[in-house]
Amino acid sequence: MTRQVLTPGPDHPITVEPGKTRVVARVGDTVVADTTSALVLREASYPPVHYIPLGDVDPDLLRPSTTETYCPFKGEASYYHLALPDRELTDAVWTYRTPYDAVRDIAGHVAFYPDRVAVTEE
């Protein structure tokens, strides 16, 4: 199957910038990730998304998922479940392992669904 590849532009801008603060991802009292090296991706009219280096995520909480999705601006996304002491959050984390050139800086980073994981700047 051929995938449509779109380039960000005036009608659909995307920027990726280094974060300026410490970023912590939590589920309740459990710290999932803690970093001072987050990237902030701003895409069109969507809320900004913090992309956190995979190395700053607690590896004991990540379980690979078979879920994959596609974004014509960023590429193929794959997912992780979060295995918490009291439950598992299905597909709560996503990553673009080989993102398109326009957003290549997010390779090696993950993002969290805000309705499942609280990501705060501290």
N, C-alpha and C. Protein backbone atom coordinates (compact mmCIF):
# COMPACT_ATOMS: atom_id res chain seq x y z
N MET A 1 0.84 -1.17 0.00
CA MET A 1 0.00 0.00 0.00
C MET A 1 0.90 1.25 0.00
N THR A 2 0.60 2.18 -0.87
CA THR A 2 1.34 3.43 -0.92
C THR A 2 0.73 4.42 0.06
N ARG A 3 1.58 5.00 0.88
CA ARG A 3 1.13 5.98 1.87
C ARG A 3 1.33 7.38 1.34
N GLN A 4 0.35 8.23 1.60
CA GLN A 4 0.49 9.64 1.24
C GLN A 4 1.47 10.29 2.20
N VAL A 5 2.43 11.03 1.67
CA VAL A 5 3.40 11.75 2.48
C VAL A 5 3.17 13.24 2.26
N LEU A 6 2.90 13.96 3.34
CA LEU A 6 2.64 15.40 3.25
C LEU A 6 3.74 16.16 3.96
N THR A 7 4.05 17.34 3.44
CA THR A 7 5.07 18.20 4.02
C THR A 7 4.39 19.34 4.77
N PRO A 8 4.81 19.60 6.02
CA PRO A 8 4.23 20.74 6.75
C PRO A 8 4.44 22.04 5.96
N GLY A 9 3.49 22.93 6.09
CA GLY A 9 3.56 24.22 5.42
C GLY A 9 2.59 25.19 6.05
N PRO A 10 2.31 26.28 5.37
CA PRO A 10 1.44 27.32 5.96
C PRO A 10 0.05 26.81 6.34
N ASP A 11 -0.48 25.85 5.58
CA ASP A 11 -1.81 25.32 5.89
C ASP A 11 -1.81 24.29 7.01
N HIS A 12 -0.64 23.70 7.27
CA HIS A 12 -0.51 22.70 8.33
C HIS A 12 0.92 22.77 8.87
N PRO A 13 1.20 23.81 9.68
CA PRO A 13 2.56 23.96 10.19
C PRO A 13 2.88 22.95 11.28
N ILE A 14 4.14 22.52 11.31
CA ILE A 14 4.65 21.67 12.39
C ILE A 14 6.04 22.19 12.76
N THR A 15 6.24 22.40 14.05
CA THR A 15 7.57 22.77 14.54
C THR A 15 7.96 21.83 15.67
N VAL A 16 9.26 21.60 15.80
CA VAL A 16 9.80 20.80 16.90
C VAL A 16 10.92 21.64 17.51
N GLU A 17 10.77 21.90 18.82
CA GLU A 17 11.75 22.73 19.52
C GLU A 17 12.16 22.07 20.82
N PRO A 18 13.38 22.31 21.29
CA PRO A 18 13.77 21.80 22.61
C PRO A 18 12.89 22.43 23.69
N GLY A 19 12.50 21.62 24.67
CA GLY A 19 11.77 22.15 25.81
C GLY A 19 12.69 22.99 26.67
N LYS A 20 12.10 23.86 27.48
CA LYS A 20 12.89 24.76 28.31
C LYS A 20 12.80 24.44 29.80
N THR A 21 12.05 23.38 30.13
CA THR A 21 11.84 23.04 31.54
C THR A 21 11.97 21.54 31.73
N ARG A 22 11.93 21.14 32.97
CA ARG A 22 11.84 19.72 33.31
C ARG A 22 10.42 19.27 33.01
N VAL A 23 10.28 18.08 32.45
CA VAL A 23 8.97 17.52 32.13
C VAL A 23 8.84 16.18 32.84
N VAL A 24 7.72 16.00 33.54
CA VAL A 24 7.46 14.76 34.26
C VAL A 24 6.13 14.19 33.78
N ALA A 25 6.12 12.88 33.51
CA ALA A 25 4.90 12.17 33.13
C ALA A 25 4.52 11.26 34.28
N ARG A 26 3.25 11.35 34.71
CA ARG A 26 2.78 10.57 35.85
C ARG A 26 1.42 9.95 35.57
N VAL A 27 1.22 8.80 36.18
CA VAL A 27 -0.10 8.21 36.27
C VAL A 27 -0.36 8.09 37.76
N GLY A 28 -1.23 8.93 38.27
CA GLY A 28 -1.43 8.99 39.72
C GLY A 28 -0.12 9.38 40.38
N ASP A 29 0.35 8.58 41.32
CA ASP A 29 1.61 8.85 42.02
C ASP A 29 2.82 8.20 41.35
N THR A 30 2.59 7.44 40.30
CA THR A 30 3.68 6.73 39.63
C THR A 30 4.34 7.63 38.58
N VAL A 31 5.63 7.86 38.73
CA VAL A 31 6.38 8.63 37.73
C VAL A 31 6.75 7.68 36.60
N VAL A 32 6.29 8.00 35.43
CA VAL A 32 6.53 7.20 34.24
C VAL A 32 7.79 7.68 33.52
N ALA A 33 7.98 9.01 33.50
CA ALA A 33 9.14 9.60 32.82
C ALA A 33 9.49 10.91 33.50
N ASP A 34 10.78 11.25 33.44
CA ASP A 34 11.29 12.48 34.04
C ASP A 34 12.47 12.93 33.19
N THR A 35 12.40 14.13 32.64
CA THR A 35 13.44 14.56 31.73
C THR A 35 13.63 16.08 31.72
N THR A 36 14.82 16.48 31.35
CA THR A 36 15.08 17.89 31.04
C THR A 36 15.42 18.01 29.55
N SER A 37 15.16 16.95 28.79
CA SER A 37 15.51 16.91 27.37
C SER A 37 14.31 16.68 26.46
N ALA A 38 13.13 17.08 26.90
CA ALA A 38 11.93 16.90 26.08
C ALA A 38 11.97 17.83 24.87
N LEU A 39 11.28 17.41 23.84
CA LEU A 39 11.03 18.25 22.68
C LEU A 39 9.55 18.63 22.68
N VAL A 40 9.24 19.81 22.18
CA VAL A 40 7.85 20.24 22.09
C VAL A 40 7.48 20.30 20.61
N LEU A 41 6.49 19.49 20.24
CA LEU A 41 6.01 19.48 18.87
C LEU A 41 4.71 20.26 18.82
N ARG A 42 4.68 21.25 17.96
CA ARG A 42 3.47 22.04 17.74
C ARG A 42 3.00 21.75 16.32
N GLU A 43 1.75 21.31 16.21
CA GLU A 43 1.21 20.93 14.91
C GLU A 43 -0.14 21.61 14.69
N ALA A 44 -0.17 22.45 13.67
CA ALA A 44 -1.40 23.14 13.26
C ALA A 44 -2.12 23.70 14.50
N SER A 45 -3.40 23.39 14.65
CA SER A 45 -4.17 23.94 15.78
C SER A 45 -4.26 22.98 16.96
N TYR A 46 -3.52 21.85 16.92
CA TYR A 46 -3.55 20.89 18.02
C TYR A 46 -2.76 21.43 19.21
N PRO A 47 -3.08 20.95 20.41
CA PRO A 47 -2.28 21.35 21.58
C PRO A 47 -0.84 20.85 21.42
N PRO A 48 0.14 21.57 21.97
CA PRO A 48 1.53 21.11 21.92
C PRO A 48 1.68 19.74 22.58
N VAL A 49 2.62 18.96 22.08
CA VAL A 49 2.89 17.62 22.62
C VAL A 49 4.35 17.54 23.02
N HIS A 50 4.60 17.07 24.24
CA HIS A 50 5.97 16.84 24.70
C HIS A 50 6.41 15.45 24.23
N TYR A 51 7.52 15.41 23.55
CA TYR A 51 8.15 14.14 23.17
C TYR A 51 9.36 13.97 24.09
N ILE A 52 9.34 12.87 24.82
CA ILE A 52 10.34 12.60 25.86
C ILE A 52 11.30 11.52 25.36
N PRO A 53 12.61 11.71 25.56
CA PRO A 53 13.55 10.66 25.15
C PRO A 53 13.18 9.31 25.77
N LEU A 54 13.19 8.27 24.96
CA LEU A 54 12.84 6.94 25.44
C LEU A 54 13.70 6.54 26.64
N GLY A 55 14.94 6.97 26.66
CA GLY A 55 15.84 6.65 27.77
C GLY A 55 15.45 7.29 29.09
N ASP A 56 14.55 8.27 29.05
CA ASP A 56 14.09 8.93 30.27
C ASP A 56 12.74 8.41 30.75
N VAL A 57 12.29 7.33 30.14
CA VAL A 57 11.04 6.66 30.53
C VAL A 57 11.40 5.41 31.32
N ASP A 58 10.67 5.14 32.39
CA ASP A 58 10.92 3.94 33.21
C ASP A 58 10.69 2.70 32.34
N PRO A 59 11.74 1.97 31.98
CA PRO A 59 11.59 0.83 31.07
C PRO A 59 10.78 -0.31 31.66
N ASP A 60 10.71 -0.39 32.99
CA ASP A 60 9.95 -1.46 33.63
C ASP A 60 8.44 -1.31 33.41
N LEU A 61 8.02 -0.11 32.99
CA LEU A 61 6.59 0.14 32.81
C LEU A 61 6.12 -0.03 31.37
N LEU A 62 7.05 -0.12 30.43
CA LEU A 62 6.70 -0.18 29.02
C LEU A 62 6.53 -1.62 28.53
N ARG A 63 5.44 -1.85 27.82
CA ARG A 63 5.19 -3.14 27.17
C ARG A 63 4.88 -2.85 25.71
N PRO A 64 5.63 -3.43 24.77
CA PRO A 64 5.35 -3.18 23.35
C PRO A 64 3.93 -3.59 22.97
N SER A 65 3.35 -2.82 22.09
CA SER A 65 2.01 -3.10 21.56
C SER A 65 2.15 -3.44 20.09
N THR A 66 1.18 -4.13 19.55
CA THR A 66 1.17 -4.40 18.11
C THR A 66 0.43 -3.31 17.34
N THR A 67 -0.12 -2.35 18.03
CA THR A 67 -0.86 -1.27 17.37
C THR A 67 0.07 -0.38 16.57
N GLU A 68 -0.37 -0.01 15.38
CA GLU A 68 0.35 0.94 14.54
C GLU A 68 -0.67 1.88 13.91
N THR A 69 -0.28 3.14 13.76
CA THR A 69 -1.11 4.11 13.06
C THR A 69 -0.22 4.88 12.10
N TYR A 70 -0.85 5.71 11.29
CA TYR A 70 -0.10 6.45 10.29
C TYR A 70 -0.51 7.92 10.29
N CYS A 71 0.47 8.80 10.23
CA CYS A 71 0.26 10.23 10.06
C CYS A 71 0.98 10.64 8.78
N PRO A 72 0.30 11.25 7.83
CA PRO A 72 0.97 11.61 6.58
C PRO A 72 2.05 12.68 6.75
N PHE A 73 2.08 13.37 7.89
CA PHE A 73 3.10 14.38 8.15
C PHE A 73 4.28 13.84 8.95
N LYS A 74 4.04 12.78 9.75
CA LYS A 74 5.09 12.28 10.64
C LYS A 74 5.53 10.86 10.32
N GLY A 75 4.66 10.04 9.78
CA GLY A 75 5.03 8.67 9.42
C GLY A 75 4.28 7.63 10.23
N GLU A 76 4.89 6.45 10.34
CA GLU A 76 4.30 5.30 11.05
C GLU A 76 4.55 5.44 12.55
N ALA A 77 3.48 5.34 13.32
CA ALA A 77 3.60 5.37 14.77
C ALA A 77 3.40 3.96 15.32
N SER A 78 4.18 3.63 16.33
CA SER A 78 3.98 2.38 17.06
C SER A 78 3.73 2.74 18.51
N TYR A 79 3.24 1.77 19.27
CA TYR A 79 2.72 2.06 20.60
C TYR A 79 3.30 1.17 21.68
N TYR A 80 3.14 1.64 22.91
CA TYR A 80 3.46 0.87 24.11
C TYR A 80 2.26 0.93 25.04
N HIS A 81 2.09 -0.15 25.80
CA HIS A 81 1.17 -0.15 26.94
C HIS A 81 1.99 0.28 28.15
N LEU A 82 1.33 0.84 29.14
CA LEU A 82 1.98 1.14 30.42
C LEU A 82 1.51 0.11 31.43
N ALA A 83 2.45 -0.67 31.96
CA ALA A 83 2.16 -1.70 32.94
C ALA A 83 2.40 -1.12 34.33
N LEU A 84 1.33 -0.68 34.95
CA LEU A 84 1.40 -0.09 36.29
C LEU A 84 1.13 -1.16 37.34
N PRO A 85 1.48 -0.88 38.59
CA PRO A 85 1.28 -1.90 39.63
C PRO A 85 -0.17 -2.39 39.73
N ASP A 86 -1.13 -1.51 39.47
CA ASP A 86 -2.53 -1.88 39.67
C ASP A 86 -3.34 -2.05 38.39
N ARG A 87 -2.72 -1.76 37.22
CA ARG A 87 -3.47 -1.87 35.96
C ARG A 87 -2.53 -1.67 34.78
N GLU A 88 -3.05 -1.97 33.61
CA GLU A 88 -2.30 -1.71 32.39
C GLU A 88 -3.08 -0.70 31.55
N LEU A 89 -2.39 0.32 31.08
CA LEU A 89 -3.00 1.31 30.20
C LEU A 89 -2.63 0.96 28.76
N THR A 90 -3.61 0.52 28.01
CA THR A 90 -3.40 0.06 26.65
C THR A 90 -3.06 1.21 25.71
N ASP A 91 -2.01 1.05 24.95
CA ASP A 91 -1.62 2.01 23.91
C ASP A 91 -1.59 3.46 24.43
N ALA A 92 -1.04 3.65 25.60
CA ALA A 92 -1.00 4.99 26.21
C ALA A 92 0.19 5.82 25.73
N VAL A 93 1.14 5.16 25.06
CA VAL A 93 2.39 5.81 24.65
C VAL A 93 2.60 5.55 23.16
N TRP A 94 3.03 6.58 22.43
CA TRP A 94 3.35 6.35 21.02
C TRP A 94 4.71 6.91 20.68
N THR A 95 5.25 6.38 19.58
CA THR A 95 6.55 6.81 19.10
C THR A 95 6.60 6.70 17.59
N TYR A 96 7.39 7.55 16.98
CA TYR A 96 7.70 7.47 15.55
C TYR A 96 9.15 7.03 15.47
N ARG A 97 9.37 5.75 15.24
CA ARG A 97 10.75 5.22 15.23
C ARG A 97 11.57 5.79 14.08
N THR A 98 10.94 5.94 12.93
CA THR A 98 11.63 6.52 11.76
C THR A 98 10.73 7.61 11.17
N PRO A 99 10.63 8.73 11.86
CA PRO A 99 9.73 9.79 11.38
C PRO A 99 10.22 10.41 10.08
N TYR A 100 9.31 11.08 9.41
CA TYR A 100 9.68 11.79 8.19
C TYR A 100 10.65 12.92 8.51
N ASP A 101 11.37 13.35 7.49
CA ASP A 101 12.44 14.34 7.66
C ASP A 101 11.98 15.61 8.37
N ALA A 102 10.78 16.08 8.09
CA ALA A 102 10.31 17.34 8.68
C ALA A 102 10.26 17.29 10.20
N VAL A 103 10.14 16.09 10.77
CA VAL A 103 10.06 15.94 12.22
C VAL A 103 11.08 14.91 12.73
N ARG A 104 12.16 14.76 12.01
CA ARG A 104 13.16 13.72 12.32
C ARG A 104 13.68 13.80 13.76
N ASP A 105 13.63 14.98 14.38
CA ASP A 105 14.15 15.13 15.74
C ASP A 105 13.38 14.31 16.77
N ILE A 106 12.14 13.91 16.46
CA ILE A 106 11.36 13.14 17.45
C ILE A 106 11.72 11.65 17.46
N ALA A 107 12.58 11.22 16.56
CA ALA A 107 13.04 9.82 16.60
C ALA A 107 13.69 9.56 17.96
N GLY A 108 13.42 8.40 18.52
CA GLY A 108 13.99 8.07 19.83
C GLY A 108 13.23 8.70 21.00
N HIS A 109 12.09 9.31 20.72
CA HIS A 109 11.27 9.96 21.73
C HIS A 109 9.88 9.32 21.75
N VAL A 110 9.18 9.49 22.86
CA VAL A 110 7.81 9.00 22.98
C VAL A 110 6.91 10.13 23.47
N ALA A 111 5.62 9.95 23.22
CA ALA A 111 4.62 10.89 23.71
C ALA A 111 3.51 10.10 24.40
N PHE A 112 2.74 10.79 25.21
CA PHE A 112 1.72 10.14 26.04
C PHE A 112 0.35 10.74 25.77
N TYR A 113 -0.68 9.89 25.77
CA TYR A 113 -2.04 10.40 25.62
C TYR A 113 -2.43 11.15 26.89
N PRO A 114 -2.80 12.42 26.75
CA PRO A 114 -3.06 13.26 27.94
C PRO A 114 -4.27 12.83 28.76
N ASP A 115 -5.16 12.03 28.19
CA ASP A 115 -6.31 11.56 28.97
C ASP A 115 -5.93 10.36 29.85
N ARG A 116 -4.70 9.85 29.69
CA ARG A 116 -4.25 8.69 30.48
C ARG A 116 -3.02 8.97 31.33
N VAL A 117 -2.19 9.93 30.86
CA VAL A 117 -0.94 10.25 31.54
C VAL A 117 -0.84 11.75 31.70
N ALA A 118 -0.58 12.21 32.92
CA ALA A 118 -0.42 13.64 33.16
C ALA A 118 1.02 14.03 32.86
N VAL A 119 1.21 14.91 31.90
CA VAL A 119 2.53 15.39 31.54
C VAL A 119 2.59 16.86 31.95
N THR A 120 3.52 17.16 32.86
CA THR A 120 3.61 18.53 33.39
C THR A 120 5.01 19.08 33.25
N GLU A 121 5.08 20.39 33.12
CA GLU A 121 6.36 21.09 33.15
C GLU A 121 6.59 21.52 34.59
N GLU A 122 7.81 21.30 35.07
CA GLU A 122 8.11 21.63 36.47
C GLU A 122 9.34 22.48 36.58
